[in-house]
Amino acid sequence: MELRCLIVDDSLRFLEAARRLLELQSVRVVGTAGTGERALELAAELRPDVALVDVGLGEESGFDVARRLGAVPVIMISTRDADDLGQLVEESPAVGFLPKARLSGPAIRALLSGSRGT
């Protein structure tokens, strides 16, 4: 089954690299957004299966964006370590957290299937 993904990050370089990586691993990136507002627009329009949301979106909080995405399952991503963000991730509506260095199609699928990641 194809997994449809929205990536939300304020780094264009990361967005492009993540798209290439995930599409090689059978994850269809249906959209990318650099702001929370754009993420909300794309989520409503594209109805992704999952949104990968960076913890820090410039002056925005990725955790706030995650709350506003509503029914879309969210996986928080960051260059920061899980130990630095554990409590924030636990209190968020996100299904889990992935460090950007460990981002992969299998890791996303594992979190969506119920294995909470760090």
C-alpha atoms as a PDB file:
ATOM      1  CA  MET A   1       0.000   0.000   0.000  1.00  0.00           C
ATOM      2  CA  GLU A   2       1.335   3.406  -0.956  1.00  0.00           C
ATOM      3  CA  LEU A   3       2.072   5.807   1.889  1.00  0.00           C
ATOM      4  CA  ARG A   4       1.272   9.459   1.083  1.00  0.00           C
ATOM      5  CA  CYS A   5       3.353  11.965   3.024  1.00  0.00           C
ATOM      6  CA  LEU A   6       3.440  15.733   3.607  1.00  0.00           C
ATOM      7  CA  ILE A   7       6.766  17.161   4.808  1.00  0.00           C
ATOM      8  CA  VAL A   8       6.763  20.404   6.805  1.00  0.00           C
ATOM      9  CA  ASP A   9      10.155  22.043   7.295  1.00  0.00           C
ATOM     10  CA  ASP A  10      11.557  25.538   6.794  1.00  0.00           C
ATOM     11  CA  SER A  11      14.730  24.232   5.120  1.00  0.00           C
ATOM     12  CA  LEU A  12      14.345  23.919   1.351  1.00  0.00           C
ATOM     13  CA  ARG A  13      17.526  21.842   1.241  1.00  0.00           C
ATOM     14  CA  PHE A  14      16.113  19.343   3.740  1.00  0.00           C
ATOM     15  CA  LEU A  15      12.747  19.215   1.956  1.00  0.00           C
ATOM     16  CA  GLU A  16      14.434  18.286  -1.314  1.00  0.00           C
ATOM     17  CA  ALA A  17      16.738  15.691   0.268  1.00  0.00           C
ATOM     18  CA  ALA A  18      13.932  14.101   2.304  1.00  0.00           C
ATOM     19  CA  ARG A  19      11.673  13.914  -0.756  1.00  0.00           C
ATOM     20  CA  ARG A  20      14.367  12.111  -2.760  1.00  0.00           C
ATOM     21  CA  LEU A  21      15.168   9.700   0.064  1.00  0.00           C
ATOM     22  CA  LEU A  22      11.574   8.815   0.884  1.00  0.00           C
ATOM     23  CA  GLU A  23      10.481   8.401  -2.709  1.00  0.00           C
ATOM     24  CA  LEU A  24      13.316   5.892  -3.200  1.00  0.00           C
ATOM     25  CA  GLN A  25      11.771   3.979  -0.276  1.00  0.00           C
ATOM     26  CA  SER A  26       8.225   3.850  -1.682  1.00  0.00           C
ATOM     27  CA  VAL A  27       6.859   6.817   0.249  1.00  0.00           C
ATOM     28  CA  ARG A  28       5.023   9.224  -2.044  1.00  0.00           C
ATOM     29  CA  VAL A  29       5.677  12.817  -0.985  1.00  0.00           C
ATOM     30  CA  VAL A  30       2.464  14.546  -2.047  1.00  0.00           C
ATOM     31  CA  GLY A  31       3.538  17.975  -0.828  1.00  0.00           C
ATOM     32  CA  THR A  32       6.040  20.070   1.063  1.00  0.00           C
ATOM     33  CA  ALA A  33       5.470  23.150   3.163  1.00  0.00           C
ATOM     34  CA  GLY A  34       7.781  25.673   4.787  1.00  0.00           C
ATOM     35  CA  THR A  35       5.191  27.196   7.140  1.00  0.00           C
ATOM     36  CA  GLY A  36       2.382  26.019   9.348  1.00  0.00           C
ATOM     37  CA  GLU A  37      -0.233  27.866   7.317  1.00  0.00           C
ATOM     38  CA  ARG A  38       0.909  26.235   4.094  1.00  0.00           C
ATOM     39  CA  ALA A  39       0.962  22.848   5.841  1.00  0.00           C
ATOM     40  CA  LEU A  40      -2.675  23.281   6.892  1.00  0.00           C
ATOM     41  CA  GLU A  41      -3.694  24.264   3.350  1.00  0.00           C
ATOM     42  CA  LEU A  42      -1.898  21.296   1.802  1.00  0.00           C
ATOM     43  CA  ALA A  43      -3.187  18.838   4.403  1.00  0.00           C
ATOM     44  CA  ALA A  44      -6.781  19.867   3.676  1.00  0.00           C
ATOM     45  CA  GLU A  45      -6.234  19.709  -0.075  1.00  0.00           C
ATOM     46  CA  LEU A  46      -4.056  16.594  -0.366  1.00  0.00           C
ATOM     47  CA  ARG A  47      -5.218  14.488   2.619  1.00  0.00           C
ATOM     48  CA  PRO A  48      -1.853  12.803   3.300  1.00  0.00           C
ATOM     49  CA  ASP A  49      -1.558   9.606   5.307  1.00  0.00           C
ATOM     50  CA  VAL A  50       1.105  11.225   7.488  1.00  0.00           C
ATOM     51  CA  ALA A  51       2.761  14.599   8.016  1.00  0.00           C
ATOM     52  CA  LEU A  52       6.413  14.892   9.008  1.00  0.00           C
ATOM     53  CA  VAL A  53       6.657  18.153  10.945  1.00  0.00           C
ATOM     54  CA  ASP A  54       9.915  19.796  12.008  1.00  0.00           C
ATOM     55  CA  VAL A  55       9.965  20.783  15.667  1.00  0.00           C
ATOM     56  CA  GLY A  56      11.276  24.263  14.821  1.00  0.00           C
ATOM     57  CA  LEU A  57       9.739  26.071  11.860  1.00  0.00           C
ATOM     58  CA  GLY A  58      11.546  29.379  12.014  1.00  0.00           C
ATOM     59  CA  GLU A  59       9.490  31.404  14.461  1.00  0.00           C
ATOM     60  CA  GLU A  60       6.722  28.797  14.568  1.00  0.00           C
ATOM     61  CA  SER A  61       6.505  25.766  16.805  1.00  0.00           C
ATOM     62  CA  GLY A  62       6.126  22.474  14.992  1.00  0.00           C
ATOM     63  CA  PHE A  63       4.207  21.233  18.028  1.00  0.00           C
ATOM     64  CA  ASP A  64       1.578  23.947  17.469  1.00  0.00           C
ATOM     65  CA  VAL A  65       1.346  22.964  13.809  1.00  0.00           C
ATOM     66  CA  ALA A  66       0.942  19.306  14.811  1.00  0.00           C
ATOM     67  CA  ARG A  67      -2.018  20.217  17.038  1.00  0.00           C
ATOM     68  CA  ARG A  68      -3.635  22.206  14.246  1.00  0.00           C
ATOM     69  CA  LEU A  69      -3.326  19.392  11.691  1.00  0.00           C
ATOM     70  CA  GLY A  70      -6.113  17.535  13.471  1.00  0.00           C
ATOM     71  CA  ALA A  71      -6.868  14.128  11.942  1.00  0.00           C
ATOM     72  CA  VAL A  72      -3.604  13.809   9.999  1.00  0.00           C
ATOM     73  CA  PRO A  73      -1.163  11.543  11.870  1.00  0.00           C
ATOM     74  CA  VAL A  74       1.988  13.535  12.657  1.00  0.00           C
ATOM     75  CA  ILE A  75       5.552  12.421  13.197  1.00  0.00           C
ATOM     76  CA  MET A  76       7.767  15.108  14.680  1.00  0.00           C
ATOM     77  CA  ILE A  77      11.245  15.423  13.157  1.00  0.00           C
ATOM     78  CA  SER A  78      14.317  17.374  14.232  1.00  0.00           C
ATOM     79  CA  THR A  79      18.074  17.553  14.091  1.00  0.00           C
ATOM     80  CA  ARG A  80      17.888  17.525  17.895  1.00  0.00           C
ATOM     81  CA  ASP A  81      18.102  14.319  19.889  1.00  0.00           C
ATOM     82  CA  ALA A  82      14.996  12.587  21.209  1.00  0.00           C
ATOM     83  CA  ASP A  83      16.261  13.006  24.787  1.00  0.00           C
ATOM     84  CA  ASP A  84      16.062  16.788  24.349  1.00  0.00           C
ATOM     85  CA  LEU A  85      12.439  16.630  23.214  1.00  0.00           C
ATOM     86  CA  GLY A  86      10.963  13.584  24.941  1.00  0.00           C
ATOM     87  CA  GLN A  87       8.426  15.321  27.182  1.00  0.00           C
ATOM     88  CA  LEU A  88       7.303  17.709  24.439  1.00  0.00           C
ATOM     89  CA  VAL A  89       6.749  14.831  22.019  1.00  0.00           C
ATOM     90  CA  GLU A  90       4.916  12.785  24.663  1.00  0.00           C
ATOM     91  CA  GLU A  91       2.528  15.687  25.358  1.00  0.00           C
ATOM     92  CA  SER A  92       1.916  16.404  21.679  1.00  0.00           C
ATOM     93  CA  PRO A  93      -0.638  14.702  19.425  1.00  0.00           C
ATOM     94  CA  ALA A  94       2.238  13.236  17.383  1.00  0.00           C
ATOM     95  CA  VAL A  95       2.425   9.469  16.951  1.00  0.00           C
ATOM     96  CA  GLY A  96       6.159   9.699  17.550  1.00  0.00           C
ATOM     97  CA  PHE A  97       9.486  11.318  16.803  1.00  0.00           C
ATOM     98  CA  LEU A  98      12.276  10.663  14.329  1.00  0.00           C
ATOM     99  CA  PRO A  99      15.661  12.351  14.286  1.00  0.00           C
ATOM    100  CA  LYS A 100      16.254  13.651  10.762  1.00  0.00           C
ATOM    101  CA  ALA A 101      19.378  11.506  10.520  1.00  0.00           C
ATOM    102  CA  ARG A 102      17.215   8.368  10.981  1.00  0.00           C
ATOM    103  CA  LEU A 103      14.377   9.371   8.672  1.00  0.00           C
ATOM    104  CA  SER A 104      13.325   6.503   6.409  1.00  0.00           C
ATOM    105  CA  GLY A 105      10.271   4.887   4.915  1.00  0.00           C
ATOM    106  CA  PRO A 106      10.522   1.848   7.220  1.00  0.00           C
ATOM    107  CA  ALA A 107      10.890   4.088  10.304  1.00  0.00           C
ATOM    108  CA  ILE A 108       7.779   6.065   9.323  1.00  0.00           C
ATOM    109  CA  ARG A 109       5.812   2.869   8.744  1.00  0.00           C
ATOM    110  CA  ALA A 110       6.937   1.478  12.110  1.00  0.00           C
ATOM    111  CA  LEU A 111       5.701   4.577  13.947  1.00  0.00           C
ATOM    112  CA  LEU A 112       2.394   4.518  12.107  1.00  0.00           C
ATOM    113  CA  SER A 113       1.898   0.869  12.998  1.00  0.00           C
ATOM    114  CA  GLY A 114       2.178   1.669  16.674  1.00  0.00           C
ATOM    115  CA  SER A 115       5.852   1.452  17.575  1.00  0.00           C
ATOM    116  CA  ARG A 116       6.439   4.816  19.236  1.00  0.00           C
ATOM    117  CA  GLY A 117       9.876   5.994  18.126  1.00  0.00           C
ATOM    118  CA  THR A 118      12.649   8.060  19.579  1.00  0.00           C
END
